[in-house]
Amino acid sequence: MTTANQLSDRLADAIRDAASTAGVSQRELSARTGIPLVNINRKLNHGTPFNAIELGAISEALGTSLVDLALKAERQLVRA
């Protein structure tokens, strides 16, 4: 059974991958979203989960959809 923490971790991984693919650093992601850099870093390193507003801002900043990020995270869970 998938836990909320596992899903949160996979979402962070999907965001990290999408940012890397887009060539967007954590600092730039912070600037584009208004989410403090320390929070971006903590959340991408599985410290705390992103909330829905943050996920929406991040997907917009990366030029992707929240659905695509969630599907990528779900596929990672299925493989695990």
N, C-alpha and C. Protein backbone atom coordinates (compact mmCIF):
# COMPACT_ATOMS: atom_id res chain seq x y z
N MET A 1 0.84 -1.18 0.00
CA MET A 1 0.00 0.00 0.00
C MET A 1 0.89 1.25 0.00
N THR A 2 0.52 2.21 -0.81
CA THR A 2 1.25 3.45 -0.94
C THR A 2 0.89 4.39 0.20
N THR A 3 1.91 4.97 0.81
CA THR A 3 1.66 5.94 1.87
C THR A 3 1.72 7.35 1.31
N ALA A 4 1.18 8.28 2.04
CA ALA A 4 1.22 9.69 1.63
C ALA A 4 2.67 10.16 1.52
N ASN A 5 3.53 9.69 2.41
CA ASN A 5 4.94 10.09 2.36
C ASN A 5 5.61 9.59 1.10
N GLN A 6 5.29 8.37 0.69
CA GLN A 6 5.88 7.83 -0.54
C GLN A 6 5.45 8.65 -1.75
N LEU A 7 4.17 8.99 -1.81
CA LEU A 7 3.68 9.80 -2.91
C LEU A 7 4.33 11.18 -2.90
N SER A 8 4.44 11.77 -1.74
CA SER A 8 5.08 13.07 -1.62
C SER A 8 6.53 13.01 -2.10
N ASP A 9 7.24 11.98 -1.72
CA ASP A 9 8.63 11.82 -2.15
C ASP A 9 8.73 11.66 -3.66
N ARG A 10 7.82 10.89 -4.25
CA ARG A 10 7.85 10.69 -5.70
C ARG A 10 7.48 11.96 -6.43
N LEU A 11 6.56 12.77 -5.89
CA LEU A 11 6.24 14.07 -6.48
C LEU A 11 7.47 14.98 -6.46
N ALA A 12 8.19 14.97 -5.36
CA ALA A 12 9.42 15.77 -5.27
C ALA A 12 10.41 15.31 -6.33
N ASP A 13 10.54 14.00 -6.52
CA ASP A 13 11.44 13.48 -7.55
C ASP A 13 11.00 13.92 -8.94
N ALA A 14 9.69 13.87 -9.20
CA ALA A 14 9.16 14.28 -10.50
C ALA A 14 9.41 15.77 -10.75
N ILE A 15 9.26 16.57 -9.73
CA ILE A 15 9.53 18.01 -9.85
C ILE A 15 11.01 18.25 -10.11
N ARG A 16 11.86 17.56 -9.37
CA ARG A 16 13.30 17.70 -9.56
C ARG A 16 13.68 17.33 -11.00
N ASP A 17 13.13 16.22 -11.51
CA ASP A 17 13.41 15.80 -12.88
C ASP A 17 12.91 16.81 -13.90
N ALA A 18 11.70 17.31 -13.70
CA ALA A 18 11.13 18.29 -14.64
C ALA A 18 11.94 19.58 -14.64
N ALA A 19 12.38 20.00 -13.48
CA ALA A 19 13.20 21.22 -13.40
C ALA A 19 14.53 21.00 -14.10
N SER A 20 15.13 19.85 -13.90
CA SER A 20 16.40 19.54 -14.56
C SER A 20 16.23 19.52 -16.07
N THR A 21 15.18 18.88 -16.54
CA THR A 21 14.91 18.81 -17.98
C THR A 21 14.70 20.20 -18.57
N ALA A 22 14.03 21.06 -17.81
CA ALA A 22 13.76 22.43 -18.27
C ALA A 22 14.95 23.36 -18.06
N GLY A 23 15.99 22.87 -17.40
CA GLY A 23 17.16 23.71 -17.12
C GLY A 23 16.89 24.78 -16.09
N VAL A 24 15.99 24.49 -15.15
CA VAL A 24 15.60 25.46 -14.12
C VAL A 24 16.21 25.05 -12.79
N SER A 25 17.01 25.93 -12.22
CA SER A 25 17.63 25.66 -10.92
C SER A 25 16.61 25.86 -9.80
N GLN A 26 16.96 25.39 -8.62
CA GLN A 26 16.10 25.62 -7.46
C GLN A 26 15.93 27.11 -7.21
N ARG A 27 16.99 27.86 -7.37
CA ARG A 27 16.93 29.31 -7.16
C ARG A 27 15.96 29.96 -8.15
N GLU A 28 16.04 29.55 -9.42
CA GLU A 28 15.14 30.10 -10.42
C GLU A 28 13.70 29.65 -10.17
N LEU A 29 13.52 28.40 -9.77
CA LEU A 29 12.18 27.91 -9.45
C LEU A 29 11.58 28.71 -8.30
N SER A 30 12.40 29.03 -7.33
CA SER A 30 11.96 29.86 -6.21
C SER A 30 11.52 31.23 -6.71
N ALA A 31 12.32 31.83 -7.57
CA ALA A 31 11.98 33.16 -8.10
C ALA A 31 10.70 33.13 -8.93
N ARG A 32 10.53 32.08 -9.72
CA ARG A 32 9.35 31.99 -10.59
C ARG A 32 8.07 31.72 -9.80
N THR A 33 8.18 31.03 -8.68
CA THR A 33 6.99 30.61 -7.94
C THR A 33 6.70 31.46 -6.70
N GLY A 34 7.72 32.15 -6.20
CA GLY A 34 7.56 32.89 -4.95
C GLY A 34 7.70 32.02 -3.72
N ILE A 35 8.04 30.76 -3.92
CA ILE A 35 8.27 29.86 -2.79
C ILE A 35 9.71 30.07 -2.33
N PRO A 36 9.93 30.37 -1.05
CA PRO A 36 11.29 30.61 -0.59
C PRO A 36 12.23 29.45 -0.94
N LEU A 37 13.46 29.79 -1.32
CA LEU A 37 14.45 28.80 -1.73
C LEU A 37 14.65 27.72 -0.68
N VAL A 38 14.70 28.10 0.58
CA VAL A 38 14.89 27.12 1.65
C VAL A 38 13.74 26.11 1.66
N ASN A 39 12.52 26.56 1.38
CA ASN A 39 11.38 25.65 1.34
C ASN A 39 11.45 24.73 0.12
N ILE A 40 11.82 25.29 -1.03
CA ILE A 40 11.99 24.46 -2.24
C ILE A 40 13.00 23.36 -1.95
N ASN A 41 14.13 23.74 -1.40
CA ASN A 41 15.20 22.77 -1.13
C ASN A 41 14.74 21.70 -0.16
N ARG A 42 14.10 22.10 0.90
CA ARG A 42 13.64 21.15 1.91
C ARG A 42 12.63 20.17 1.32
N LYS A 43 11.72 20.68 0.54
CA LYS A 43 10.67 19.84 -0.02
C LYS A 43 11.20 18.93 -1.12
N LEU A 44 12.13 19.40 -1.92
CA LEU A 44 12.71 18.55 -2.95
C LEU A 44 13.59 17.46 -2.37
N ASN A 45 14.05 17.67 -1.16
CA ASN A 45 14.88 16.67 -0.50
C ASN A 45 14.09 15.85 0.53
N HIS A 46 12.77 15.78 0.28
CA HIS A 46 11.87 14.92 1.04
C HIS A 46 11.73 15.32 2.51
N GLY A 47 11.92 16.60 2.81
CA GLY A 47 11.76 17.05 4.19
C GLY A 47 10.31 17.26 4.56
N THR A 48 9.58 17.96 3.72
CA THR A 48 8.16 18.21 3.94
C THR A 48 7.45 18.17 2.59
N PRO A 49 6.17 17.86 2.57
CA PRO A 49 5.46 17.77 1.29
C PRO A 49 5.07 19.15 0.74
N PHE A 50 4.91 19.21 -0.57
CA PHE A 50 4.39 20.40 -1.23
C PHE A 50 2.89 20.46 -1.00
N ASN A 51 2.34 21.67 -0.91
CA ASN A 51 0.89 21.78 -0.85
C ASN A 51 0.35 22.02 -2.26
N ALA A 52 -0.97 21.99 -2.40
CA ALA A 52 -1.59 22.08 -3.72
C ALA A 52 -1.28 23.40 -4.43
N ILE A 53 -1.25 24.49 -3.70
CA ILE A 53 -0.95 25.79 -4.31
C ILE A 53 0.48 25.81 -4.83
N GLU A 54 1.41 25.26 -4.05
CA GLU A 54 2.81 25.19 -4.49
C GLU A 54 2.95 24.31 -5.73
N LEU A 55 2.26 23.17 -5.73
CA LEU A 55 2.33 22.27 -6.88
C LEU A 55 1.81 22.95 -8.14
N GLY A 56 0.74 23.71 -8.01
CA GLY A 56 0.21 24.45 -9.16
C GLY A 56 1.19 25.49 -9.67
N ALA A 57 1.80 26.23 -8.76
CA ALA A 57 2.77 27.25 -9.15
C ALA A 57 4.01 26.62 -9.80
N ILE A 58 4.44 25.51 -9.25
CA ILE A 58 5.63 24.82 -9.79
C ILE A 58 5.35 24.28 -11.18
N SER A 59 4.21 23.64 -11.36
CA SER A 59 3.91 23.09 -12.69
C SER A 59 3.83 24.22 -13.72
N GLU A 60 3.23 25.33 -13.35
CA GLU A 60 3.16 26.47 -14.26
C GLU A 60 4.56 27.02 -14.56
N ALA A 61 5.38 27.14 -13.54
CA ALA A 61 6.74 27.67 -13.72
C ALA A 61 7.59 26.77 -14.59
N LEU A 62 7.31 25.48 -14.57
CA LEU A 62 8.10 24.52 -15.36
C LEU A 62 7.48 24.23 -16.72
N GLY A 63 6.33 24.84 -16.99
CA GLY A 63 5.69 24.64 -18.28
C GLY A 63 5.14 23.23 -18.47
N THR A 64 4.69 22.64 -17.39
CA THR A 64 4.11 21.31 -17.44
C THR A 64 2.79 21.35 -16.69
N SER A 65 2.09 20.26 -16.69
CA SER A 65 0.83 20.23 -15.94
C SER A 65 1.02 19.45 -14.65
N LEU A 66 0.20 19.79 -13.70
CA LEU A 66 0.21 19.07 -12.43
C LEU A 66 -0.14 17.61 -12.65
N VAL A 67 -1.03 17.35 -13.59
CA VAL A 67 -1.41 15.98 -13.92
C VAL A 67 -0.19 15.19 -14.40
N ASP A 68 0.62 15.80 -15.27
CA ASP A 68 1.82 15.11 -15.76
C ASP A 68 2.78 14.80 -14.62
N LEU A 69 2.96 15.73 -13.70
CA LEU A 69 3.84 15.48 -12.55
C LEU A 69 3.29 14.35 -11.69
N ALA A 70 1.98 14.36 -11.47
CA ALA A 70 1.36 13.32 -10.65
C ALA A 70 1.45 11.95 -11.32
N LEU A 71 1.26 11.91 -12.63
CA LEU A 71 1.36 10.63 -13.34
C LEU A 71 2.78 10.08 -13.29
N LYS A 72 3.75 10.96 -13.43
CA LYS A 72 5.15 10.53 -13.34
C LYS A 72 5.43 9.97 -11.94
N ALA A 73 4.94 10.64 -10.92
CA ALA A 73 5.13 10.17 -9.55
C ALA A 73 4.45 8.83 -9.35
N GLU A 74 3.26 8.68 -9.89
CA GLU A 74 2.53 7.42 -9.74
C GLU A 74 3.26 6.27 -10.45
N ARG A 75 3.79 6.53 -11.62
CA ARG A 75 4.54 5.49 -12.34
C ARG A 75 5.76 5.06 -11.54
N GLN A 76 6.41 6.00 -10.88
CA GLN A 76 7.57 5.65 -10.04
C GLN A 76 7.14 4.75 -8.87
N LEU A 77 5.97 5.03 -8.32
CA LEU A 77 5.47 4.21 -7.21
C LEU A 77 5.17 2.79 -7.66
N VAL A 78 4.60 2.66 -8.84
CA VAL A 78 4.24 1.35 -9.35
C VAL A 78 5.50 0.51 -9.59
N ARG A 79 6.56 1.15 -10.04
CA ARG A 79 7.83 0.44 -10.29
C ARG A 79 8.51 0.00 -9.01
N ALA A 80 8.25 0.70 -7.92
CA ALA A 80 8.93 0.42 -6.65
C ALA A 80 8.45 -0.84 -6.00
